[in-house]
Amino acid sequence: NADEPRPVATLSGGESFLASLALALALAEGLSGLSHGRSRFALESLFLDEGFGSLDPETLDVAIQGIETLGSSDRLVGIVSHIPELAERMPGRISVRKAVGGSSIEVS
């Protein structure tokens, strides 16, 4: 049934996240082509909040590759995630550490 259309309501959590990510990545790449006249629009930053935990390791790798491609084009890509494999592949990180006396951050 892979070639048949499916209602969005039947997508799993991982499939929904992947569809949303694909839409965001396509928008980031195609926005300048949608602008007309003298004004050129560009999506200079993109923030993704969670959802990566719903992906299997192979699909996570594909998603990260797409994000890395976006970041290599002078675009700011911010990601909120609890997935260590994802954080390790990002060139810069802000890690938040929760503690009883208050949270702290580490920038790397």
PDB file of N, CA and C in Angstrom:
ATOM      1  N   ASN A   1       0.806  -1.209   0.000  1.00  0.00           N
ATOM      2  CA  ASN A   1       0.000   0.000   0.000  1.00  0.00           C
ATOM      3  C   ASN A   1       0.844   1.265   0.000  1.00  0.00           C
ATOM      4  N   ALA A   2       2.157   1.132  -0.204  1.00  0.00           N
ATOM      5  CA  ALA A   2       3.051   2.285  -0.091  1.00  0.00           C
ATOM      6  C   ALA A   2       2.771   3.365  -1.125  1.00  0.00           C
ATOM      7  N   ASP A   3       2.209   2.990  -2.269  1.00  0.00           N
ATOM      8  CA  ASP A   3       1.952   3.975  -3.315  1.00  0.00           C
ATOM      9  C   ASP A   3       0.577   4.627  -3.207  1.00  0.00           C
ATOM     10  N   GLU A   4      -0.211   4.207  -2.230  1.00  0.00           N
ATOM     11  CA  GLU A   4      -1.567   4.738  -2.093  1.00  0.00           C
ATOM     12  C   GLU A   4      -1.587   5.931  -1.131  1.00  0.00           C
ATOM     13  N   PRO A   5      -2.393   6.944  -1.453  1.00  0.00           N
ATOM     14  CA  PRO A   5      -2.536   8.085  -0.532  1.00  0.00           C
ATOM     15  C   PRO A   5      -3.132   7.625   0.796  1.00  0.00           C
ATOM     16  N   ARG A   6      -2.699   8.258   1.883  1.00  0.00           N
ATOM     17  CA  ARG A   6      -3.217   7.956   3.223  1.00  0.00           C
ATOM     18  C   ARG A   6      -3.693   9.236   3.874  1.00  0.00           C
ATOM     19  N   PRO A   7      -4.739   9.147   4.650  1.00  0.00           N
ATOM     20  CA  PRO A   7      -5.152  10.326   5.424  1.00  0.00           C
ATOM     21  C   PRO A   7      -4.073  10.668   6.454  1.00  0.00           C
ATOM     22  N   VAL A   8      -3.859  11.948   6.688  1.00  0.00           N
ATOM     23  CA  VAL A   8      -2.852  12.406   7.646  1.00  0.00           C
ATOM     24  C   VAL A   8      -3.099  11.814   9.026  1.00  0.00           C
ATOM     25  N   ALA A   9      -4.330  11.617   9.391  1.00  0.00           N
ATOM     26  CA  ALA A   9      -4.678  11.091  10.712  1.00  0.00           C
ATOM     27  C   ALA A   9      -4.138   9.677  10.941  1.00  0.00           C
ATOM     28  N   THR A  10      -3.750   8.975   9.880  1.00  0.00           N
ATOM     29  CA  THR A  10      -3.255   7.606  10.045  1.00  0.00           C
ATOM     30  C   THR A  10      -1.739   7.543  10.207  1.00  0.00           C
ATOM     31  N   LEU A  11      -1.047   8.681  10.135  1.00  0.00           N
ATOM     32  CA  LEU A  11       0.407   8.687  10.268  1.00  0.00           C
ATOM     33  C   LEU A  11       0.815   8.445  11.718  1.00  0.00           C
ATOM     34  N   SER A  12       1.903   7.713  11.902  1.00  0.00           N
ATOM     35  CA  SER A  12       2.440   7.506  13.246  1.00  0.00           C
ATOM     36  C   SER A  12       3.116   8.798  13.703  1.00  0.00           C
ATOM     37  N   GLY A  13       3.555   8.825  14.955  1.00  0.00           N
ATOM     38  CA  GLY A  13       4.255  10.006  15.466  1.00  0.00           C
ATOM     39  C   GLY A  13       5.510  10.310  14.676  1.00  0.00           C
ATOM     40  N   GLY A  14       6.289   9.262  14.382  1.00  0.00           N
ATOM     41  CA  GLY A  14       7.512   9.444  13.604  1.00  0.00           C
ATOM     42  C   GLY A  14       7.231   9.915  12.188  1.00  0.00           C
ATOM     43  N   GLU A  15       6.196   9.348  11.571  1.00  0.00           N
ATOM     44  CA  GLU A  15       5.834   9.762  10.214  1.00  0.00           C
ATOM     45  C   GLU A  15       5.348  11.205  10.189  1.00  0.00           C
ATOM     46  N   SER A  16       4.571  11.596  11.184  1.00  0.00           N
ATOM     47  CA  SER A  16       4.094  12.986  11.264  1.00  0.00           C
ATOM     48  C   SER A  16       5.258  13.944  11.430  1.00  0.00           C
ATOM     49  N   PHE A  17       6.203  13.592  12.315  1.00  0.00           N
ATOM     50  CA  PHE A  17       7.370  14.446  12.514  1.00  0.00           C
ATOM     51  C   PHE A  17       8.180  14.559  11.236  1.00  0.00           C
ATOM     52  N   LEU A  18       8.408  13.439  10.559  1.00  0.00           N
ATOM     53  CA  LEU A  18       9.188  13.443   9.326  1.00  0.00           C
ATOM     54  C   LEU A  18       8.509  14.272   8.239  1.00  0.00           C
ATOM     55  N   ALA A  19       7.195  14.173   8.138  1.00  0.00           N
ATOM     56  CA  ALA A  19       6.460  14.975   7.154  1.00  0.00           C
ATOM     57  C   ALA A  19       6.584  16.459   7.479  1.00  0.00           C
ATOM     58  N   SER A  20       6.480  16.814   8.748  1.00  0.00           N
ATOM     59  CA  SER A  20       6.624  18.215   9.163  1.00  0.00           C
ATOM     60  C   SER A  20       8.037  18.725   8.899  1.00  0.00           C
ATOM     61  N   LEU A  21       9.033  17.894   9.206  1.00  0.00           N
ATOM     62  CA  LEU A  21      10.421  18.275   8.968  1.00  0.00           C
ATOM     63  C   LEU A  21      10.681  18.463   7.474  1.00  0.00           C
ATOM     64  N   ALA A  22      10.167  17.551   6.652  1.00  0.00           N
ATOM     65  CA  ALA A  22      10.345  17.668   5.206  1.00  0.00           C
ATOM     66  C   ALA A  22       9.707  18.954   4.686  1.00  0.00           C
ATOM     67  N   LEU A  23       8.546  19.295   5.200  1.00  0.00           N
ATOM     68  CA  LEU A  23       7.876  20.537   4.797  1.00  0.00           C
ATOM     69  C   LEU A  23       8.704  21.753   5.198  1.00  0.00           C
ATOM     70  N   ALA A  24       9.238  21.758   6.421  1.00  0.00           N
ATOM     71  CA  ALA A  24      10.056  22.879   6.898  1.00  0.00           C
ATOM     72  C   ALA A  24      11.331  23.013   6.071  1.00  0.00           C
ATOM     73  N   LEU A  25      11.976  21.896   5.767  1.00  0.00           N
ATOM     74  CA  LEU A  25      13.207  21.938   4.972  1.00  0.00           C
ATOM     75  C   LEU A  25      12.929  22.426   3.555  1.00  0.00           C
ATOM     76  N   ALA A  26      11.845  21.963   2.974  1.00  0.00           N
ATOM     77  CA  ALA A  26      11.476  22.409   1.628  1.00  0.00           C
ATOM     78  C   ALA A  26      11.138  23.894   1.623  1.00  0.00           C
ATOM     79  N   LEU A  27      10.447  24.353   2.634  1.00  0.00           N
ATOM     80  CA  LEU A  27      10.115  25.774   2.741  1.00  0.00           C
ATOM     81  C   LEU A  27      11.386  26.604   2.865  1.00  0.00           C
ATOM     82  N   ALA A  28      12.322  26.138   3.688  1.00  0.00           N
ATOM     83  CA  ALA A  28      13.577  26.863   3.877  1.00  0.00           C
ATOM     84  C   ALA A  28      14.336  27.000   2.561  1.00  0.00           C
ATOM     85  N   GLU A  29      14.327  25.957   1.758  1.00  0.00           N
ATOM     86  CA  GLU A  29      15.040  25.980   0.487  1.00  0.00           C
ATOM     87  C   GLU A  29      14.286  26.748  -0.601  1.00  0.00           C
ATOM     88  N   GLY A  30      12.964  26.697  -0.583  1.00  0.00           N
ATOM     89  CA  GLY A  30      12.184  27.261  -1.679  1.00  0.00           C
ATOM     90  C   GLY A  30      11.616  28.639  -1.451  1.00  0.00           C
ATOM     91  N   LEU A  31      11.806  29.209  -0.278  1.00  0.00           N
ATOM     92  CA  LEU A  31      11.186  30.493   0.032  1.00  0.00           C
ATOM     93  C   LEU A  31      11.641  31.605  -0.909  1.00  0.00           C
ATOM     94  N   SER A  32      12.917  31.645  -1.237  1.00  0.00           N
ATOM     95  CA  SER A  32      13.410  32.715  -2.107  1.00  0.00           C
ATOM     96  C   SER A  32      12.772  32.642  -3.484  1.00  0.00           C
ATOM     97  N   GLY A  33      12.431  31.458  -3.950  1.00  0.00           N
ATOM     98  CA  GLY A  33      11.782  31.308  -5.247  1.00  0.00           C
ATOM     99  C   GLY A  33      10.341  31.794  -5.251  1.00  0.00           C
ATOM    100  N   LEU A  34       9.745  31.949  -4.073  1.00  0.00           N
ATOM    101  CA  LEU A  34       8.365  32.419  -3.976  1.00  0.00           C
ATOM    102  C   LEU A  34       8.255  33.934  -3.979  1.00  0.00           C
ATOM    103  N   SER A  35       9.372  34.626  -3.744  1.00  0.00           N
ATOM    104  CA  SER A  35       9.313  36.088  -3.676  1.00  0.00           C
ATOM    105  C   SER A  35       9.359  36.671  -5.081  1.00  0.00           C
ATOM    106  N   HIS A  36       8.698  37.802  -5.231  1.00  0.00           N
ATOM    107  CA  HIS A  36       8.595  38.457  -6.545  1.00  0.00           C
ATOM    108  C   HIS A  36       9.113  39.886  -6.446  1.00  0.00           C
ATOM    109  N   GLY A  37       9.470  40.442  -7.581  1.00  0.00           N
ATOM    110  CA  GLY A  37       9.889  41.835  -7.624  1.00  0.00           C
ATOM    111  C   GLY A  37      11.239  42.054  -6.964  1.00  0.00           C
ATOM    112  N   ARG A  38      11.401  43.234  -6.378  1.00  0.00           N
ATOM    113  CA  ARG A  38      12.678  43.597  -5.763  1.00  0.00           C
ATOM    114  C   ARG A  38      12.918  42.897  -4.440  1.00  0.00           C
ATOM    115  N   SER A  39      11.859  42.596  -3.737  1.00  0.00           N
ATOM    116  CA  SER A  39      12.008  41.973  -2.418  1.00  0.00           C
ATOM    117  C   SER A  39      12.313  40.492  -2.569  1.00  0.00           C
ATOM    118  N   ARG A  40      13.416  40.079  -1.971  1.00  0.00           N
ATOM    119  CA  ARG A  40      13.773  38.664  -1.950  1.00  0.00           C
ATOM    120  C   ARG A  40      13.672  38.193  -0.515  1.00  0.00           C
ATOM    121  N   PHE A  41      12.978  37.110  -0.301  1.00  0.00           N
ATOM    122  CA  PHE A  41      12.802  36.578   1.033  1.00  0.00           C
ATOM    123  C   PHE A  41      13.721  35.378   1.226  1.00  0.00           C
ATOM    124  N   ALA A  42      14.220  35.253   2.430  1.00  0.00           N
ATOM    125  CA  ALA A  42      15.049  34.102   2.766  1.00  0.00           C
ATOM    126  C   ALA A  42      14.735  33.685   4.193  1.00  0.00           C
ATOM    127  N   LEU A  43      14.694  32.420   4.407  1.00  0.00           N
ATOM    128  CA  LEU A  43      14.502  31.895   5.748  1.00  0.00           C
ATOM    129  C   LEU A  43      15.890  31.719   6.346  1.00  0.00           C
ATOM    130  N   GLU A  44      16.298  32.682   7.186  1.00  0.00           N
ATOM    131  CA  GLU A  44      17.661  32.696   7.707  1.00  0.00           C
ATOM    132  C   GLU A  44      17.830  31.848   8.953  1.00  0.00           C
ATOM    133  N   SER A  45      16.737  31.499   9.599  1.00  0.00           N
ATOM    134  CA  SER A  45      16.835  30.651  10.787  1.00  0.00           C
ATOM    135  C   SER A  45      15.633  29.716  10.846  1.00  0.00           C
ATOM    136  N   LEU A  46      15.879  28.574  11.455  1.00  0.00           N
ATOM    137  CA  LEU A  46      14.860  27.548  11.576  1.00  0.00           C
ATOM    138  C   LEU A  46      15.055  26.883  12.928  1.00  0.00           C
ATOM    139  N   PHE A  47      13.978  26.761  13.713  1.00  0.00           N
ATOM    140  CA  PHE A  47      14.053  26.138  15.025  1.00  0.00           C
ATOM    141  C   PHE A  47      13.148  24.911  15.048  1.00  0.00           C
ATOM    142  N   LEU A  48      13.709  23.795  15.475  1.00  0.00           N
ATOM    143  CA  LEU A  48      12.987  22.528  15.537  1.00  0.00           C
ATOM    144  C   LEU A  48      12.928  22.091  16.993  1.00  0.00           C
ATOM    145  N   ASP A  49      11.735  21.803  17.470  1.00  0.00           N
ATOM    146  CA  ASP A  49      11.558  21.429  18.871  1.00  0.00           C
ATOM    147  C   ASP A  49      11.098  19.988  18.975  1.00  0.00           C
ATOM    148  N   GLU A  50      12.020  19.129  19.406  1.00  0.00           N
ATOM    149  CA  GLU A  50      11.734  17.716  19.684  1.00  0.00           C
ATOM    150  C   GLU A  50      11.214  16.955  18.470  1.00  0.00           C
ATOM    151  N   GLY A  51      10.671  15.793  18.729  1.00  0.00           N
ATOM    152  CA  GLY A  51      10.149  14.930  17.670  1.00  0.00           C
ATOM    153  C   GLY A  51      11.142  13.897  17.187  1.00  0.00           C
ATOM    154  N   PHE A  52      12.434  14.144  17.406  1.00  0.00           N
ATOM    155  CA  PHE A  52      13.460  13.234  16.903  1.00  0.00           C
ATOM    156  C   PHE A  52      13.426  11.884  17.609  1.00  0.00           C
ATOM    157  N   GLY A  53      12.929  11.835  18.833  1.00  0.00           N
ATOM    158  CA  GLY A  53      12.860  10.592  19.594  1.00  0.00           C
ATOM    159  C   GLY A  53      11.896   9.579  19.006  1.00  0.00           C
ATOM    160  N   SER A  54      11.023  10.032  18.111  1.00  0.00           N
ATOM    161  CA  SER A  54      10.059   9.119  17.495  1.00  0.00           C
ATOM    162  C   SER A  54      10.614   8.443  16.244  1.00  0.00           C
ATOM    163  N   LEU A  55      11.881   8.743  15.896  1.00  0.00           N
ATOM    164  CA  LEU A  55      12.480   8.197  14.678  1.00  0.00           C
ATOM    165  C   LEU A  55      13.395   7.013  14.998  1.00  0.00           C
ATOM    166  N   ASP A  56      13.402   6.023  14.116  1.00  0.00           N
ATOM    167  CA  ASP A  56      14.333   4.918  14.266  1.00  0.00           C
ATOM    168  C   ASP A  56      15.731   5.421  13.887  1.00  0.00           C
ATOM    169  N   PRO A  57      16.806   4.715  14.264  1.00  0.00           N
ATOM    170  CA  PRO A  57      18.170   5.206  14.028  1.00  0.00           C
ATOM    171  C   PRO A  57      18.478   5.559  12.569  1.00  0.00           C
ATOM    172  N   GLU A  58      18.001   4.757  11.639  1.00  0.00           N
ATOM    173  CA  GLU A  58      18.270   5.022  10.220  1.00  0.00           C
ATOM    174  C   GLU A  58      17.575   6.301   9.758  1.00  0.00           C
ATOM    175  N   THR A  59      16.332   6.477  10.133  1.00  0.00           N
ATOM    176  CA  THR A  59      15.576   7.663   9.747  1.00  0.00           C
ATOM    177  C   THR A  59      16.131   8.897  10.453  1.00  0.00           C
ATOM    178  N   LEU A  60      16.571   8.754  11.702  1.00  0.00           N
ATOM    179  CA  LEU A  60      17.201   9.861  12.425  1.00  0.00           C
ATOM    180  C   LEU A  60      18.436  10.331  11.677  1.00  0.00           C
ATOM    181  N   ASP A  61      19.233   9.394  11.171  1.00  0.00           N
ATOM    182  CA  ASP A  61      20.428   9.754  10.414  1.00  0.00           C
ATOM    183  C   ASP A  61      20.071  10.546   9.161  1.00  0.00           C
ATOM    184  N   VAL A  62      19.036  10.132   8.449  1.00  0.00           N
ATOM    185  CA  VAL A  62      18.593  10.848   7.244  1.00  0.00           C
ATOM    186  C   VAL A  62      18.135  12.258   7.609  1.00  0.00           C
ATOM    187  N   ALA A  63      17.379  12.381   8.701  1.00  0.00           N
ATOM    188  CA  ALA A  63      16.893  13.690   9.143  1.00  0.00           C
ATOM    189  C   ALA A  63      18.059  14.599   9.523  1.00  0.00           C
ATOM    190  N   ILE A  64      19.041  14.062  10.230  1.00  0.00           N
ATOM    191  CA  ILE A  64      20.203  14.861  10.634  1.00  0.00           C
ATOM    192  C   ILE A  64      20.990  15.317   9.406  1.00  0.00           C
ATOM    193  N   GLN A  65      21.113  14.443   8.416  1.00  0.00           N
ATOM    194  CA  GLN A  65      21.816  14.834   7.193  1.00  0.00           C
ATOM    195  C   GLN A  65      21.129  16.031   6.528  1.00  0.00           C
ATOM    196  N   GLY A  66      19.805  16.015   6.491  1.00  0.00           N
ATOM    197  CA  GLY A  66      19.062  17.151   5.931  1.00  0.00           C
ATOM    198  C   GLY A  66      19.299  18.421   6.720  1.00  0.00           C
ATOM    199  N   ILE A  67      19.329  18.316   8.039  1.00  0.00           N
ATOM    200  CA  ILE A  67      19.566  19.481   8.893  1.00  0.00           C
ATOM    201  C   ILE A  67      20.993  19.996   8.716  1.00  0.00           C
ATOM    202  N   GLU A  68      21.955  19.082   8.623  1.00  0.00           N
ATOM    203  CA  GLU A  68      23.346  19.491   8.406  1.00  0.00           C
ATOM    204  C   GLU A  68      23.492  20.237   7.083  1.00  0.00           C
ATOM    205  N   THR A  69      22.779  19.798   6.059  1.00  0.00           N
ATOM    206  CA  THR A  69      22.812  20.472   4.764  1.00  0.00           C
ATOM    207  C   THR A  69      22.267  21.891   4.890  1.00  0.00           C
ATOM    208  N   LEU A  70      21.182  22.037   5.635  1.00  0.00           N
ATOM    209  CA  LEU A  70      20.611  23.372   5.848  1.00  0.00           C
ATOM    210  C   LEU A  70      21.593  24.280   6.564  1.00  0.00           C
ATOM    211  N   GLY A  71      22.242  23.772   7.602  1.00  0.00           N
ATOM    212  CA  GLY A  71      23.167  24.569   8.383  1.00  0.00           C
ATOM    213  C   GLY A  71      24.420  24.964   7.621  1.00  0.00           C
ATOM    214  N   SER A  72      24.769  24.212   6.579  1.00  0.00           N
ATOM    215  CA  SER A  72      25.977  24.520   5.816  1.00  0.00           C
ATOM    216  C   SER A  72      25.771  25.676   4.845  1.00  0.00           C
ATOM    217  N   SER A  73      24.572  26.201   4.749  1.00  0.00           N
ATOM    218  CA  SER A  73      24.298  27.292   3.816  1.00  0.00           C
ATOM    219  C   SER A  73      24.079  28.613   4.556  1.00  0.00           C
ATOM    220  N   ASP A  74      24.900  28.882   5.573  1.00  0.00           N
ATOM    221  CA  ASP A  74      24.824  30.121   6.357  1.00  0.00           C
ATOM    222  C   ASP A  74      23.440  30.373   6.932  1.00  0.00           C
ATOM    223  N   ARG A  75      22.788  29.333   7.332  1.00  0.00           N
ATOM    224  CA  ARG A  75      21.470  29.431   7.946  1.00  0.00           C
ATOM    225  C   ARG A  75      21.593  28.939   9.385  1.00  0.00           C
ATOM    226  N   LEU A  76      20.953  29.627  10.302  1.00  0.00           N
ATOM    227  CA  LEU A  76      20.949  29.218  11.699  1.00  0.00           C
ATOM    228  C   LEU A  76      19.869  28.158  11.897  1.00  0.00           C
ATOM    229  N   VAL A  77      20.266  27.010  12.403  1.00  0.00           N
ATOM    230  CA  VAL A  77      19.325  25.936  12.688  1.00  0.00           C
ATOM    231  C   VAL A  77      19.427  25.633  14.175  1.00  0.00           C
ATOM    232  N   GLY A  78      18.357  25.907  14.908  1.00  0.00           N
ATOM    233  CA  GLY A  78      18.312  25.620  16.338  1.00  0.00           C
ATOM    234  C   GLY A  78      17.457  24.393  16.582  1.00  0.00           C
ATOM    235  N   ILE A  79      17.959  23.498  17.421  1.00  0.00           N
ATOM    236  CA  ILE A  79      17.258  22.247  17.690  1.00  0.00           C
ATOM    237  C   ILE A  79      17.136  22.055  19.195  1.00  0.00           C
ATOM    238  N   VAL A  80      15.941  21.719  19.647  1.00  0.00           N
ATOM    239  CA  VAL A  80      15.719  21.334  21.035  1.00  0.00           C
ATOM    240  C   VAL A  80      15.529  19.828  21.021  1.00  0.00           C
ATOM    241  N   SER A  81      16.410  19.111  21.744  1.00  0.00           N
ATOM    242  CA  SER A  81      16.322  17.654  21.723  1.00  0.00           C
ATOM    243  C   SER A  81      16.987  17.040  22.940  1.00  0.00           C
ATOM    244  N   HIS A  82      16.545  15.853  23.276  1.00  0.00           N
ATOM    245  CA  HIS A  82      17.148  15.058  24.339  1.00  0.00           C
ATOM    246  C   HIS A  82      17.903  13.863  23.768  1.00  0.00           C
ATOM    247  N   ILE A  83      18.114  13.826  22.469  1.00  0.00           N
ATOM    248  CA  ILE A  83      18.748  12.711  21.789  1.00  0.00           C
ATOM    249  C   ILE A  83      20.259  12.966  21.689  1.00  0.00           C
ATOM    250  N   PRO A  84      21.082  12.228  22.452  1.00  0.00           N
ATOM    251  CA  PRO A  84      22.535  12.462  22.442  1.00  0.00           C
ATOM    252  C   PRO A  84      23.165  12.337  21.052  1.00  0.00           C
ATOM    253  N   GLU A  85      22.715  11.369  20.240  1.00  0.00           N
ATOM    254  CA  GLU A  85      23.283  11.187  18.901  1.00  0.00           C
ATOM    255  C   GLU A  85      23.080  12.423  18.035  1.00  0.00           C
ATOM    256  N   LEU A  86      21.971  13.080  18.213  1.00  0.00           N
ATOM    257  CA  LEU A  86      21.687  14.302  17.464  1.00  0.00           C
ATOM    258  C   LEU A  86      22.580  15.429  17.952  1.00  0.00           C
ATOM    259  N   ALA A  87      22.652  15.630  19.258  1.00  0.00           N
ATOM    260  CA  ALA A  87      23.456  16.715  19.828  1.00  0.00           C
ATOM    261  C   ALA A  87      24.926  16.586  19.437  1.00  0.00           C
ATOM    262  N   GLU A  88      25.447  15.363  19.444  1.00  0.00           N
ATOM    263  CA  GLU A  88      26.864  15.140  19.141  1.00  0.00           C
ATOM    264  C   GLU A  88      27.229  15.529  17.717  1.00  0.00           C
ATOM    265  N   ARG A  89      26.273  15.494  16.807  1.00  0.00           N
ATOM    266  CA  ARG A  89      26.566  15.809  15.405  1.00  0.00           C
ATOM    267  C   ARG A  89      26.407  17.283  15.076  1.00  0.00           C
ATOM    268  N   MET A  90      25.926  18.065  16.020  1.00  0.00           N
ATOM    269  CA  MET A  90      25.760  19.481  15.780  1.00  0.00           C
ATOM    270  C   MET A  90      27.061  20.231  16.086  1.00  0.00           C
ATOM    271  N   PRO A  91      27.396  21.243  15.276  1.00  0.00           N
ATOM    272  CA  PRO A  91      28.684  21.938  15.454  1.00  0.00           C
ATOM    273  C   PRO A  91      28.754  22.789  16.729  1.00  0.00           C
ATOM    274  N   GLY A  92      27.656  23.217  17.247  1.00  0.00           N
ATOM    275  CA  GLY A  92      27.633  24.011  18.471  1.00  0.00           C
ATOM    276  C   GLY A  92      26.437  23.606  19.308  1.00  0.00           C
ATOM    277  N   ARG A  93      26.618  23.632  20.639  1.00  0.00           N
ATOM    278  CA  ARG A  93      25.533  23.183  21.507  1.00  0.00           C
ATOM    279  C   ARG A  93      25.423  24.065  22.739  1.00  0.00           C
ATOM    280  N   ILE A  94      24.221  24.187  23.218  1.00  0.00           N
ATOM    281  CA  ILE A  94      23.947  24.755  24.532  1.00  0.00           C
ATOM    282  C   ILE A  94      23.253  23.655  25.306  1.00  0.00           C
ATOM    283  N   SER A  95      23.942  23.115  26.304  1.00  0.00           N
ATOM    284  CA  SER A  95      23.387  22.032  27.119  1.00  0.00           C
ATOM    285  C   SER A  95      22.845  22.622  28.411  1.00  0.00           C
ATOM    286  N   VAL A  96      21.611  22.292  28.725  1.00  0.00           N
ATOM    287  CA  VAL A  96      20.985  22.755  29.960  1.00  0.00           C
ATOM    288  C   VAL A  96      21.005  21.606  30.949  1.00  0.00           C
ATOM    289  N   ARG A  97      21.550  21.857  32.116  1.00  0.00           N
ATOM    290  CA  ARG A  97      21.616  20.849  33.176  1.00  0.00           C
ATOM    291  C   ARG A  97      20.694  21.276  34.310  1.00  0.00           C
ATOM    292  N   LYS A  98      19.746  20.426  34.601  1.00  0.00           N
ATOM    293  CA  LYS A  98      18.763  20.690  35.638  1.00  0.00           C
ATOM    294  C   LYS A  98      19.324  20.233  36.990  1.00  0.00           C
ATOM    295  N   ALA A  99      19.181  21.059  38.007  1.00  0.00           N
ATOM    296  CA  ALA A  99      19.660  20.710  39.351  1.00  0.00           C
ATOM    297  C   ALA A  99      18.695  21.271  40.386  1.00  0.00           C
ATOM    298  N   VAL A 100      18.781  20.743  41.596  1.00  0.00           N
ATOM    299  CA  VAL A 100      17.888  21.181  42.666  1.00  0.00           C
ATOM    300  C   VAL A 100      18.011  22.672  42.940  1.00  0.00           C
ATOM    301  N   GLY A 101      19.251  23.183  42.933  1.00  0.00           N
ATOM    302  CA  GLY A 101      19.485  24.599  43.220  1.00  0.00           C
ATOM    303  C   GLY A 101      19.256  25.518  42.038  1.00  0.00           C
ATOM    304  N   GLY A 102      18.924  24.988  40.879  1.00  0.00           N
ATOM    305  CA  GLY A 102      18.694  25.781  39.671  1.00  0.00           C
ATOM    306  C   GLY A 102      19.419  25.186  38.488  1.00  0.00           C
ATOM    307  N   SER A 103      19.018  25.544  37.329  1.00  0.00           N
ATOM    308  CA  SER A 103      19.608  25.011  36.115  1.00  0.00           C
ATOM    309  C   SER A 103      20.878  25.751  35.775  1.00  0.00           C
ATOM    310  N   SER A 104      21.757  25.071  35.014  1.00  0.00           N
ATOM    311  CA  SER A 104      22.974  25.697  34.511  1.00  0.00           C
ATOM    312  C   SER A 104      23.112  25.334  33.038  1.00  0.00           C
ATOM    313  N   ILE A 105      23.940  26.095  32.333  1.00  0.00           N
ATOM    314  CA  ILE A 105      24.146  25.819  30.914  1.00  0.00           C
ATOM    315  C   ILE A 105      25.632  25.618  30.644  1.00  0.00           C
ATOM    316  N   GLU A 106      25.883  24.880  29.579  1.00  0.00           N
ATOM    317  CA  GLU A 106      27.256  24.698  29.091  1.00  0.00           C
ATOM    318  C   GLU A 106      27.213  24.956  27.598  1.00  0.00           C
ATOM    319  N   VAL A 107      28.070  25.838  27.121  1.00  0.00           N
ATOM    320  CA  VAL A 107      28.127  26.164  25.704  1.00  0.00           C
ATOM    321  C   VAL A 107      29.374  25.519  25.110  1.00  0.00           C
ATOM    322  N   SER A 108      29.179  24.764  24.049  1.00  0.00           N
ATOM    323  CA  SER A 108      30.324  24.111  23.386  1.00  0.00           C
ATOM    324  C   SER A 108      30.187  24.212  21.881  1.00  0.00           C
TER     325      SER A 108
END
